[in-house]
Amino acid sequence: MRALLVLALFWAAPVCAESVVALRTIRPQQIITDHDVRLDQSTIQGAHQQLEDVLGQEAKYIIYPGRAIMKGSVGTPAIIERNQIVELIYSSGGLRIIAEGRALGRGATGDRIRVMNIGSRTTIFGEISPDGTIRVTK
């Protein structure tokens, strides 16, 4: 019985895996569309294996044609750009303070970025909310 199990493991059909490859040059901060990528039959360690994981994502750096889209090379598109005027919100208990600030970096929802409070010129950190406001934390 044990021998049959060992033989079954050795004779198992090979697993077909694919990698997502760039069709054209993808620039940093460019949103990836279905015209930019395709599935390739080769398996590349650390590359995305499904188109759905890459489509709609933003390139973090330049990706050349024919190269695999590696897992660290794409991310969520930024909703806050550097030097953009943003709303700062600080909440603690019943206290809520709203101020105007200038983003000192760019980022996507959930990212922590530095922001300068325009009124006091103090640099603080905050987390980007889905609505584009910055939630200031202690």
N, C-alpha and C. Protein backbone atom coordinates (compact mmCIF):
# COMPACT_ATOMS: atom_id res chain seq x y z
N MET A 1 0.81 -1.19 0.00
CA MET A 1 0.00 0.00 0.00
C MET A 1 0.86 1.27 0.00
N ARG A 2 1.90 1.22 0.86
CA ARG A 2 2.79 2.37 0.96
C ARG A 2 3.54 2.59 -0.36
N ALA A 3 3.91 1.52 -1.02
CA ALA A 3 4.62 1.61 -2.29
C ALA A 3 3.74 2.25 -3.36
N LEU A 4 2.45 1.93 -3.35
CA LEU A 4 1.54 2.54 -4.32
C LEU A 4 1.42 4.05 -4.10
N LEU A 5 1.43 4.45 -2.86
CA LEU A 5 1.35 5.87 -2.54
C LEU A 5 2.59 6.61 -3.03
N VAL A 6 3.76 6.01 -2.83
CA VAL A 6 5.01 6.62 -3.29
C VAL A 6 5.02 6.71 -4.81
N LEU A 7 4.57 5.66 -5.51
CA LEU A 7 4.51 5.69 -6.97
C LEU A 7 3.53 6.74 -7.47
N ALA A 8 2.42 6.89 -6.79
CA ALA A 8 1.43 7.89 -7.20
C ALA A 8 2.01 9.29 -7.08
N LEU A 9 2.83 9.54 -6.07
CA LEU A 9 3.44 10.87 -5.91
C LEU A 9 4.45 11.15 -7.02
N PHE A 10 5.21 10.14 -7.43
CA PHE A 10 6.19 10.35 -8.48
C PHE A 10 5.56 10.48 -9.86
N TRP A 11 4.43 9.85 -10.09
CA TRP A 11 3.80 9.86 -11.40
C TRP A 11 2.73 10.93 -11.52
N ALA A 12 2.64 11.78 -10.54
CA ALA A 12 1.63 12.84 -10.59
C ALA A 12 1.94 13.77 -11.76
N ALA A 13 0.89 14.29 -12.36
CA ALA A 13 1.05 15.20 -13.49
C ALA A 13 1.73 16.48 -13.03
N PRO A 14 2.62 17.05 -13.86
CA PRO A 14 3.28 18.29 -13.47
C PRO A 14 2.27 19.43 -13.38
N VAL A 15 2.54 20.33 -12.45
CA VAL A 15 1.65 21.47 -12.24
C VAL A 15 2.06 22.58 -13.21
N CYS A 16 1.09 23.11 -13.95
CA CYS A 16 1.36 24.20 -14.88
C CYS A 16 1.17 25.52 -14.14
N ALA A 17 2.18 26.34 -14.14
CA ALA A 17 2.08 27.65 -13.52
C ALA A 17 2.48 28.69 -14.55
N GLU A 18 1.96 29.86 -14.38
CA GLU A 18 2.23 30.95 -15.31
C GLU A 18 2.71 32.16 -14.54
N SER A 19 3.32 33.09 -15.25
CA SER A 19 3.77 34.34 -14.67
C SER A 19 3.22 35.50 -15.49
N VAL A 20 2.95 36.61 -14.83
CA VAL A 20 2.47 37.81 -15.51
C VAL A 20 3.69 38.57 -16.03
N VAL A 21 3.66 38.90 -17.33
CA VAL A 21 4.79 39.55 -18.01
C VAL A 21 4.31 40.84 -18.66
N ALA A 22 5.15 41.87 -18.65
CA ALA A 22 4.83 43.15 -19.28
C ALA A 22 4.93 43.05 -20.80
N LEU A 23 3.95 43.62 -21.50
CA LEU A 23 3.97 43.65 -22.97
C LEU A 23 4.68 44.89 -23.49
N ARG A 24 4.64 45.96 -22.72
CA ARG A 24 5.27 47.23 -23.11
C ARG A 24 5.89 47.86 -21.88
N THR A 25 6.62 48.94 -22.06
CA THR A 25 7.23 49.62 -20.94
C THR A 25 6.15 50.21 -20.04
N ILE A 26 6.23 49.90 -18.76
CA ILE A 26 5.29 50.44 -17.77
C ILE A 26 6.07 51.41 -16.90
N ARG A 27 5.67 52.66 -16.92
CA ARG A 27 6.36 53.72 -16.19
C ARG A 27 5.95 53.73 -14.72
N PRO A 28 6.79 54.27 -13.84
CA PRO A 28 6.41 54.41 -12.43
C PRO A 28 5.13 55.24 -12.30
N GLN A 29 4.27 54.88 -11.38
CA GLN A 29 3.00 55.54 -11.07
C GLN A 29 1.95 55.33 -12.16
N GLN A 30 2.22 54.48 -13.14
CA GLN A 30 1.24 54.17 -14.18
C GLN A 30 0.33 53.06 -13.69
N ILE A 31 -0.98 53.20 -13.96
CA ILE A 31 -1.95 52.18 -13.60
C ILE A 31 -1.89 51.09 -14.68
N ILE A 32 -1.79 49.83 -14.26
CA ILE A 32 -1.63 48.71 -15.19
C ILE A 32 -2.99 48.26 -15.72
N THR A 33 -3.09 48.15 -17.05
CA THR A 33 -4.32 47.70 -17.71
C THR A 33 -4.08 46.36 -18.40
N ASP A 34 -5.14 45.78 -18.96
CA ASP A 34 -4.99 44.50 -19.65
C ASP A 34 -4.19 44.62 -20.94
N HIS A 35 -3.98 45.85 -21.45
CA HIS A 35 -3.17 46.06 -22.65
C HIS A 35 -1.67 46.06 -22.33
N ASP A 36 -1.34 46.14 -21.04
CA ASP A 36 0.06 46.24 -20.62
C ASP A 36 0.70 44.90 -20.26
N VAL A 37 -0.12 43.88 -19.96
CA VAL A 37 0.42 42.62 -19.45
C VAL A 37 -0.24 41.41 -20.11
N ARG A 38 0.43 40.26 -19.97
CA ARG A 38 -0.12 38.98 -20.43
C ARG A 38 0.42 37.88 -19.54
N LEU A 39 -0.18 36.69 -19.65
CA LEU A 39 0.31 35.52 -18.93
C LEU A 39 1.33 34.79 -19.80
N ASP A 40 2.44 34.41 -19.21
CA ASP A 40 3.48 33.65 -19.90
C ASP A 40 3.55 32.27 -19.26
N GLN A 41 3.84 31.24 -20.05
CA GLN A 41 3.84 29.87 -19.56
C GLN A 41 5.00 29.56 -18.61
N SER A 42 6.02 30.38 -18.61
CA SER A 42 7.16 30.12 -17.72
C SER A 42 6.81 30.50 -16.28
N THR A 43 7.44 29.81 -15.34
CA THR A 43 7.25 30.11 -13.93
C THR A 43 8.47 30.84 -13.42
N ILE A 44 8.26 32.03 -12.91
CA ILE A 44 9.36 32.84 -12.39
C ILE A 44 9.12 33.04 -10.90
N GLN A 45 10.10 32.64 -10.10
CA GLN A 45 9.99 32.73 -8.65
C GLN A 45 9.78 34.18 -8.22
N GLY A 46 8.74 34.45 -7.43
CA GLY A 46 8.48 35.79 -6.91
C GLY A 46 7.62 36.66 -7.80
N ALA A 47 7.21 36.15 -8.96
CA ALA A 47 6.38 36.93 -9.89
C ALA A 47 4.90 36.65 -9.63
N HIS A 48 4.06 37.61 -10.01
CA HIS A 48 2.62 37.42 -9.92
C HIS A 48 2.21 36.32 -10.89
N GLN A 49 1.22 35.51 -10.50
CA GLN A 49 0.79 34.40 -11.34
C GLN A 49 -0.62 34.58 -11.88
N GLN A 50 -1.32 35.63 -11.47
CA GLN A 50 -2.68 35.88 -11.97
C GLN A 50 -2.79 37.33 -12.40
N LEU A 51 -3.48 37.54 -13.53
CA LEU A 51 -3.67 38.90 -14.04
C LEU A 51 -4.44 39.77 -13.06
N GLU A 52 -5.41 39.18 -12.35
CA GLU A 52 -6.25 39.93 -11.43
C GLU A 52 -5.44 40.59 -10.32
N ASP A 53 -4.29 40.01 -9.97
CA ASP A 53 -3.45 40.57 -8.92
C ASP A 53 -2.74 41.85 -9.37
N VAL A 54 -2.62 42.05 -10.67
CA VAL A 54 -1.84 43.15 -11.22
C VAL A 54 -2.72 44.25 -11.82
N LEU A 55 -3.82 43.87 -12.46
CA LEU A 55 -4.67 44.85 -13.14
C LEU A 55 -5.24 45.86 -12.15
N GLY A 56 -5.13 47.14 -12.51
CA GLY A 56 -5.63 48.22 -11.65
C GLY A 56 -4.63 48.67 -10.60
N GLN A 57 -3.48 48.01 -10.52
CA GLN A 57 -2.45 48.39 -9.57
C GLN A 57 -1.52 49.44 -10.19
N GLU A 58 -0.74 50.09 -9.36
CA GLU A 58 0.18 51.13 -9.80
C GLU A 58 1.61 50.60 -9.77
N ALA A 59 2.37 50.86 -10.83
CA ALA A 59 3.77 50.43 -10.88
C ALA A 59 4.59 51.30 -9.94
N LYS A 60 5.43 50.68 -9.13
CA LYS A 60 6.28 51.41 -8.19
C LYS A 60 7.55 51.92 -8.87
N TYR A 61 7.99 51.19 -9.88
CA TYR A 61 9.16 51.60 -10.66
C TYR A 61 9.00 51.07 -12.08
N ILE A 62 9.92 51.43 -12.97
CA ILE A 62 9.79 51.08 -14.38
C ILE A 62 9.89 49.56 -14.57
N ILE A 63 9.00 49.03 -15.42
CA ILE A 63 8.99 47.60 -15.75
C ILE A 63 9.13 47.51 -17.27
N TYR A 64 10.15 46.81 -17.73
CA TYR A 64 10.44 46.74 -19.15
C TYR A 64 9.68 45.60 -19.83
N PRO A 65 9.44 45.72 -21.15
CA PRO A 65 8.72 44.68 -21.89
C PRO A 65 9.43 43.32 -21.78
N GLY A 66 8.64 42.27 -21.64
CA GLY A 66 9.18 40.93 -21.55
C GLY A 66 9.60 40.53 -20.15
N ARG A 67 9.60 41.46 -19.22
CA ARG A 67 10.00 41.17 -17.84
C ARG A 67 8.78 40.76 -17.02
N ALA A 68 9.00 39.87 -16.07
CA ALA A 68 7.92 39.43 -15.19
C ALA A 68 7.57 40.56 -14.22
N ILE A 69 6.30 40.62 -13.84
CA ILE A 69 5.84 41.59 -12.86
C ILE A 69 6.06 40.95 -11.48
N MET A 70 7.07 41.41 -10.77
CA MET A 70 7.40 40.85 -9.47
C MET A 70 6.42 41.37 -8.41
N LYS A 71 6.27 40.62 -7.32
CA LYS A 71 5.27 40.95 -6.30
C LYS A 71 5.52 42.29 -5.64
N GLY A 72 6.74 42.76 -5.52
CA GLY A 72 7.02 44.04 -4.89
C GLY A 72 7.01 45.22 -5.84
N SER A 73 6.76 44.97 -7.13
CA SER A 73 6.87 46.05 -8.12
C SER A 73 5.58 46.80 -8.37
N VAL A 74 4.46 46.35 -7.80
CA VAL A 74 3.18 47.04 -7.97
C VAL A 74 2.50 47.20 -6.62
N GLY A 75 1.61 48.18 -6.54
CA GLY A 75 0.89 48.42 -5.30
C GLY A 75 -0.40 49.19 -5.55
N THR A 76 -1.09 49.49 -4.49
CA THR A 76 -2.34 50.22 -4.58
C THR A 76 -2.08 51.63 -5.11
N PRO A 77 -2.91 52.13 -6.03
CA PRO A 77 -2.71 53.47 -6.58
C PRO A 77 -2.82 54.56 -5.51
N ALA A 78 -1.96 55.56 -5.62
CA ALA A 78 -1.95 56.68 -4.67
C ALA A 78 -3.19 57.56 -4.87
N ILE A 79 -3.72 58.04 -3.75
CA ILE A 79 -4.85 58.99 -3.83
C ILE A 79 -4.44 60.37 -3.33
N ILE A 80 -3.27 60.45 -2.70
CA ILE A 80 -2.73 61.73 -2.23
C ILE A 80 -1.39 61.94 -2.94
N GLU A 81 -1.23 63.11 -3.53
CA GLU A 81 0.02 63.46 -4.20
C GLU A 81 0.82 64.42 -3.33
N ARG A 82 2.12 64.46 -3.54
CA ARG A 82 3.00 65.37 -2.80
C ARG A 82 2.56 66.81 -3.06
N ASN A 83 2.59 67.64 -2.01
CA ASN A 83 2.20 69.06 -2.02
C ASN A 83 0.71 69.30 -2.17
N GLN A 84 -0.09 68.26 -2.16
CA GLN A 84 -1.55 68.41 -2.23
C GLN A 84 -2.06 68.95 -0.89
N ILE A 85 -3.04 69.85 -0.96
CA ILE A 85 -3.69 70.36 0.24
C ILE A 85 -4.69 69.30 0.71
N VAL A 86 -4.60 68.91 1.99
CA VAL A 86 -5.44 67.86 2.53
C VAL A 86 -6.09 68.32 3.83
N GLU A 87 -7.11 67.59 4.23
CA GLU A 87 -7.79 67.87 5.50
C GLU A 87 -7.22 66.94 6.56
N LEU A 88 -6.76 67.53 7.67
CA LEU A 88 -6.23 66.77 8.79
C LEU A 88 -7.32 66.61 9.83
N ILE A 89 -7.50 65.39 10.34
CA ILE A 89 -8.53 65.14 11.35
C ILE A 89 -7.88 64.44 12.54
N TYR A 90 -8.04 65.05 13.71
CA TYR A 90 -7.58 64.44 14.96
C TYR A 90 -8.80 64.20 15.83
N SER A 91 -8.99 62.96 16.28
CA SER A 91 -10.11 62.61 17.15
C SER A 91 -9.60 61.87 18.36
N SER A 92 -10.09 62.27 19.53
CA SER A 92 -9.75 61.58 20.77
C SER A 92 -10.90 61.78 21.74
N GLY A 93 -11.58 60.71 22.06
CA GLY A 93 -12.75 60.81 22.94
C GLY A 93 -13.82 61.65 22.27
N GLY A 94 -14.24 62.73 22.93
CA GLY A 94 -15.25 63.63 22.36
C GLY A 94 -14.63 64.79 21.59
N LEU A 95 -13.30 64.90 21.61
CA LEU A 95 -12.61 66.00 20.93
C LEU A 95 -12.35 65.66 19.48
N ARG A 96 -12.64 66.62 18.61
CA ARG A 96 -12.37 66.43 17.17
C ARG A 96 -11.82 67.76 16.63
N ILE A 97 -10.61 67.72 16.08
CA ILE A 97 -9.97 68.90 15.52
C ILE A 97 -9.75 68.67 14.04
N ILE A 98 -10.17 69.65 13.24
CA ILE A 98 -9.99 69.58 11.79
C ILE A 98 -9.12 70.77 11.37
N ALA A 99 -8.08 70.50 10.59
CA ALA A 99 -7.18 71.55 10.13
C ALA A 99 -6.78 71.26 8.68
N GLU A 100 -6.15 72.25 8.08
CA GLU A 100 -5.69 72.11 6.71
C GLU A 100 -4.20 71.82 6.72
N GLY A 101 -3.77 70.92 5.83
CA GLY A 101 -2.37 70.56 5.77
C GLY A 101 -1.89 70.38 4.34
N ARG A 102 -0.58 70.26 4.22
CA ARG A 102 0.06 70.02 2.91
C ARG A 102 0.80 68.69 3.00
N ALA A 103 0.48 67.77 2.08
CA ALA A 103 1.12 66.46 2.06
C ALA A 103 2.58 66.59 1.67
N LEU A 104 3.46 65.98 2.43
CA LEU A 104 4.90 66.01 2.14
C LEU A 104 5.35 64.74 1.43
N GLY A 105 4.41 63.91 1.05
CA GLY A 105 4.69 62.68 0.32
C GLY A 105 3.43 62.24 -0.39
N ARG A 106 3.51 61.18 -1.16
CA ARG A 106 2.34 60.63 -1.83
C ARG A 106 2.05 59.27 -1.25
N GLY A 107 0.77 58.86 -1.34
CA GLY A 107 0.44 57.56 -0.79
C GLY A 107 -0.96 57.10 -1.13
N ALA A 108 -1.21 55.84 -0.82
CA ALA A 108 -2.50 55.20 -1.06
C ALA A 108 -3.25 55.08 0.26
N THR A 109 -4.48 54.62 0.18
CA THR A 109 -5.29 54.41 1.36
C THR A 109 -4.56 53.49 2.34
N GLY A 110 -4.48 53.91 3.60
CA GLY A 110 -3.82 53.13 4.63
C GLY A 110 -2.35 53.46 4.84
N ASP A 111 -1.73 54.20 3.93
CA ASP A 111 -0.32 54.57 4.08
C ASP A 111 -0.18 55.67 5.12
N ARG A 112 0.97 55.66 5.82
CA ARG A 112 1.31 56.76 6.73
C ARG A 112 2.24 57.72 6.00
N ILE A 113 1.87 58.99 6.01
CA ILE A 113 2.72 59.99 5.35
C ILE A 113 2.95 61.17 6.28
N ARG A 114 3.97 61.95 5.96
CA ARG A 114 4.22 63.20 6.70
C ARG A 114 3.37 64.29 6.09
N VAL A 115 2.83 65.13 6.96
CA VAL A 115 1.98 66.25 6.53
C VAL A 115 2.37 67.47 7.34
N MET A 116 2.39 68.64 6.70
CA MET A 116 2.67 69.88 7.42
C MET A 116 1.35 70.60 7.67
N ASN A 117 1.08 70.90 8.95
CA ASN A 117 -0.09 71.70 9.31
C ASN A 117 0.17 73.12 8.80
N ILE A 118 -0.68 73.62 7.93
CA ILE A 118 -0.46 74.93 7.31
C ILE A 118 -0.52 76.06 8.34
N GLY A 119 -1.43 75.96 9.31
CA GLY A 119 -1.59 77.00 10.32
C GLY A 119 -0.39 77.13 11.24
N SER A 120 0.14 76.03 11.72
CA SER A 120 1.24 76.07 12.69
C SER A 120 2.60 75.73 12.09
N ARG A 121 2.62 75.25 10.86
CA ARG A 121 3.84 74.81 10.17
C ARG A 121 4.54 73.65 10.90
N THR A 122 3.77 72.88 11.63
CA THR A 122 4.28 71.70 12.33
C THR A 122 4.15 70.48 11.43
N THR A 123 5.20 69.67 11.41
CA THR A 123 5.17 68.45 10.62
C THR A 123 4.68 67.31 11.51
N ILE A 124 3.67 66.60 11.01
CA ILE A 124 3.08 65.48 11.75
C ILE A 124 2.93 64.27 10.81
N PHE A 125 2.60 63.13 11.39
CA PHE A 125 2.32 61.94 10.61
C PHE A 125 0.84 61.61 10.69
N GLY A 126 0.32 61.05 9.62
CA GLY A 126 -1.07 60.64 9.62
C GLY A 126 -1.31 59.51 8.64
N GLU A 127 -2.45 58.86 8.79
CA GLU A 127 -2.83 57.74 7.93
C GLU A 127 -3.88 58.22 6.93
N ILE A 128 -3.70 57.83 5.68
CA ILE A 128 -4.61 58.25 4.61
C ILE A 128 -5.89 57.42 4.69
N SER A 129 -7.03 58.13 4.75
CA SER A 129 -8.34 57.48 4.77
C SER A 129 -8.84 57.31 3.34
N PRO A 130 -9.81 56.41 3.12
CA PRO A 130 -10.33 56.20 1.76
C PRO A 130 -10.93 57.45 1.13
N ASP A 131 -11.41 58.38 1.95
CA ASP A 131 -12.00 59.61 1.40
C ASP A 131 -10.96 60.71 1.13
N GLY A 132 -9.68 60.43 1.36
CA GLY A 132 -8.62 61.39 1.06
C GLY A 132 -8.24 62.29 2.21
N THR A 133 -8.86 62.13 3.37
CA THR A 133 -8.47 62.90 4.54
C THR A 133 -7.32 62.18 5.24
N ILE A 134 -6.63 62.90 6.11
CA ILE A 134 -5.53 62.33 6.86
C ILE A 134 -5.94 62.23 8.34
N ARG A 135 -5.94 61.02 8.87
CA ARG A 135 -6.25 60.78 10.27
C ARG A 135 -4.95 60.90 11.06
N VAL A 136 -4.88 61.91 11.90
CA VAL A 136 -3.68 62.17 12.69
C VAL A 136 -3.72 61.30 13.94
N THR A 137 -2.60 60.63 14.21
CA THR A 137 -2.49 59.78 15.39
C THR A 137 -1.45 60.35 16.34
N LYS A 138 -1.49 59.88 17.57
CA LYS A 138 -0.53 60.37 18.57
C LYS A 138 0.86 59.93 18.23
